Amino acid sequence: MSAEQLLGISLDELRARERSNPGPTTSREFRCDECGARCTRLTEGGEAGHRYDCSRRLQRTGDERVRPSLDDLDRGEGQ
């Protein structure tokens, strides 16, 4: 089954949409000035969606999220 049959769009349009860089679509979404990723402001505070090397990225540590330190990034623990 082709993309046109499945989605109602041409293959060229599908490829263009895959390559596109969509902007924020809601009031809680924004484009990070530092890493350029499309991020979301969480309802409980904080932000999700930052790239791995962004200083604004939160790190999951059990039930809590904290900002990674430079030491964590040097050891490869800032995932």
C-alpha atoms as a PDB file:
ATOM      1  CA  MET A   1       0.000   0.000   0.000  1.00  0.00           C
ATOM      2  CA  SER A   2       1.415   3.396  -0.946  1.00  0.00           C
ATOM      3  CA  ALA A   3       1.713   6.540   1.177  1.00  0.00           C
ATOM      4  CA  GLU A   4      -0.901   8.158  -1.028  1.00  0.00           C
ATOM      5  CA  GLN A   5      -3.362   5.355  -0.340  1.00  0.00           C
ATOM      6  CA  LEU A   6      -2.589   5.234   3.388  1.00  0.00           C
ATOM      7  CA  LEU A   7      -2.289   8.934   4.186  1.00  0.00           C
ATOM      8  CA  GLY A   8      -3.890  10.666   1.251  1.00  0.00           C
ATOM      9  CA  ILE A   9      -0.627  12.486   0.394  1.00  0.00           C
ATOM     10  CA  SER A  10       2.060  11.942  -2.217  1.00  0.00           C
ATOM     11  CA  LEU A  11       5.397  10.338  -1.419  1.00  0.00           C
ATOM     12  CA  ASP A  12       7.121  13.684  -2.069  1.00  0.00           C
ATOM     13  CA  GLU A  13       4.843  15.391   0.476  1.00  0.00           C
ATOM     14  CA  LEU A  14       5.500  12.631   3.021  1.00  0.00           C
ATOM     15  CA  ARG A  15       9.292  13.056   2.614  1.00  0.00           C
ATOM     16  CA  ALA A  16       8.953  16.852   2.950  1.00  0.00           C
ATOM     17  CA  ARG A  17       6.992  16.432   6.195  1.00  0.00           C
ATOM     18  CA  GLU A  18       9.607  14.004   7.547  1.00  0.00           C
ATOM     19  CA  ARG A  19      12.374  16.548   6.875  1.00  0.00           C
ATOM     20  CA  SER A  20      10.438  19.529   8.226  1.00  0.00           C
ATOM     21  CA  ASN A  21      11.349  21.160  11.516  1.00  0.00           C
ATOM     22  CA  PRO A  22       7.953  21.888  13.103  1.00  0.00           C
ATOM     23  CA  GLY A  23       7.601  24.835  15.392  1.00  0.00           C
ATOM     24  CA  PRO A  24       5.791  24.982  18.716  1.00  0.00           C
ATOM     25  CA  THR A  25       2.074  24.240  18.430  1.00  0.00           C
ATOM     26  CA  THR A  26       0.775  25.018  21.944  1.00  0.00           C
ATOM     27  CA  SER A  27       1.419  27.675  24.582  1.00  0.00           C
ATOM     28  CA  ARG A  28       3.509  25.176  26.604  1.00  0.00           C
ATOM     29  CA  GLU A  29       5.841  24.355  23.705  1.00  0.00           C
ATOM     30  CA  PHE A  30       8.859  26.468  22.790  1.00  0.00           C
ATOM     31  CA  ARG A  31      12.102  26.309  20.843  1.00  0.00           C
ATOM     32  CA  CYS A  32      15.130  26.202  23.196  1.00  0.00           C
ATOM     33  CA  ASP A  33      17.580  29.034  22.510  1.00  0.00           C
ATOM     34  CA  GLU A  34      20.515  26.872  23.584  1.00  0.00           C
ATOM     35  CA  CYS A  35      19.969  23.497  21.883  1.00  0.00           C
ATOM     36  CA  GLY A  36      17.316  24.397  19.291  1.00  0.00           C
ATOM     37  CA  ALA A  37      15.033  21.500  20.260  1.00  0.00           C
ATOM     38  CA  ARG A  38      11.254  21.818  20.452  1.00  0.00           C
ATOM     39  CA  CYS A  39      10.603  21.542  24.207  1.00  0.00           C
ATOM     40  CA  THR A  40       7.565  21.460  26.501  1.00  0.00           C
ATOM     41  CA  ARG A  41       7.003  23.210  29.817  1.00  0.00           C
ATOM     42  CA  LEU A  42       5.782  20.547  32.247  1.00  0.00           C
ATOM     43  CA  THR A  43       2.733  21.168  34.435  1.00  0.00           C
ATOM     44  CA  GLU A  44       4.707  20.397  37.618  1.00  0.00           C
ATOM     45  CA  GLY A  45       7.541  22.717  36.570  1.00  0.00           C
ATOM     46  CA  GLY A  46      10.641  22.058  34.524  1.00  0.00           C
ATOM     47  CA  GLU A  47      11.034  21.455  30.820  1.00  0.00           C
ATOM     48  CA  ALA A  48      11.173  18.293  28.719  1.00  0.00           C
ATOM     49  CA  GLY A  49      12.619  17.663  25.278  1.00  0.00           C
ATOM     50  CA  HIS A  50      16.064  19.270  25.463  1.00  0.00           C
ATOM     51  CA  ARG A  51      18.938  17.604  23.634  1.00  0.00           C
ATOM     52  CA  TYR A  52      21.491  15.514  25.542  1.00  0.00           C
ATOM     53  CA  ASP A  53      24.198  18.207  25.659  1.00  0.00           C
ATOM     54  CA  CYS A  54      21.852  21.068  26.653  1.00  0.00           C
ATOM     55  CA  SER A  55      22.471  22.540  30.105  1.00  0.00           C
ATOM     56  CA  ARG A  56      18.699  22.994  30.547  1.00  0.00           C
ATOM     57  CA  ARG A  57      18.050  19.234  30.097  1.00  0.00           C
ATOM     58  CA  LEU A  58      16.712  17.415  33.142  1.00  0.00           C
ATOM     59  CA  GLN A  59      18.126  14.077  34.226  1.00  0.00           C
ATOM     60  CA  ARG A  60      15.965  11.268  35.587  1.00  0.00           C
ATOM     61  CA  THR A  61      17.233  10.073  38.969  1.00  0.00           C
ATOM     62  CA  GLY A  62      14.652   7.752  40.503  1.00  0.00           C
ATOM     63  CA  ASP A  63      11.365   9.588  41.060  1.00  0.00           C
ATOM     64  CA  GLU A  64      12.937  13.018  40.793  1.00  0.00           C
ATOM     65  CA  ARG A  65      14.425  15.017  37.920  1.00  0.00           C
ATOM     66  CA  VAL A  66      17.486  17.175  38.506  1.00  0.00           C
ATOM     67  CA  ARG A  67      19.794  19.228  36.324  1.00  0.00           C
ATOM     68  CA  PRO A  68      22.936  17.259  35.397  1.00  0.00           C
ATOM     69  CA  SER A  69      26.235  18.610  36.649  1.00  0.00           C
ATOM     70  CA  LEU A  70      29.287  18.951  34.439  1.00  0.00           C
ATOM     71  CA  ASP A  71      30.868  16.084  36.383  1.00  0.00           C
ATOM     72  CA  ASP A  72      27.945  13.789  35.417  1.00  0.00           C
ATOM     73  CA  LEU A  73      28.343  14.671  31.738  1.00  0.00           C
ATOM     74  CA  ASP A  74      32.098  14.009  31.857  1.00  0.00           C
ATOM     75  CA  ARG A  75      31.472  10.518  33.262  1.00  0.00           C
ATOM     76  CA  GLY A  76      28.680   9.804  30.774  1.00  0.00           C
ATOM     77  CA  GLU A  77      25.980   9.714  33.458  1.00  0.00           C
ATOM     78  CA  GLY A  78      24.010  12.726  32.224  1.00  0.00           C
ATOM     79  CA  GLN A  79      21.523  10.735  30.142  1.00  0.00           C
END
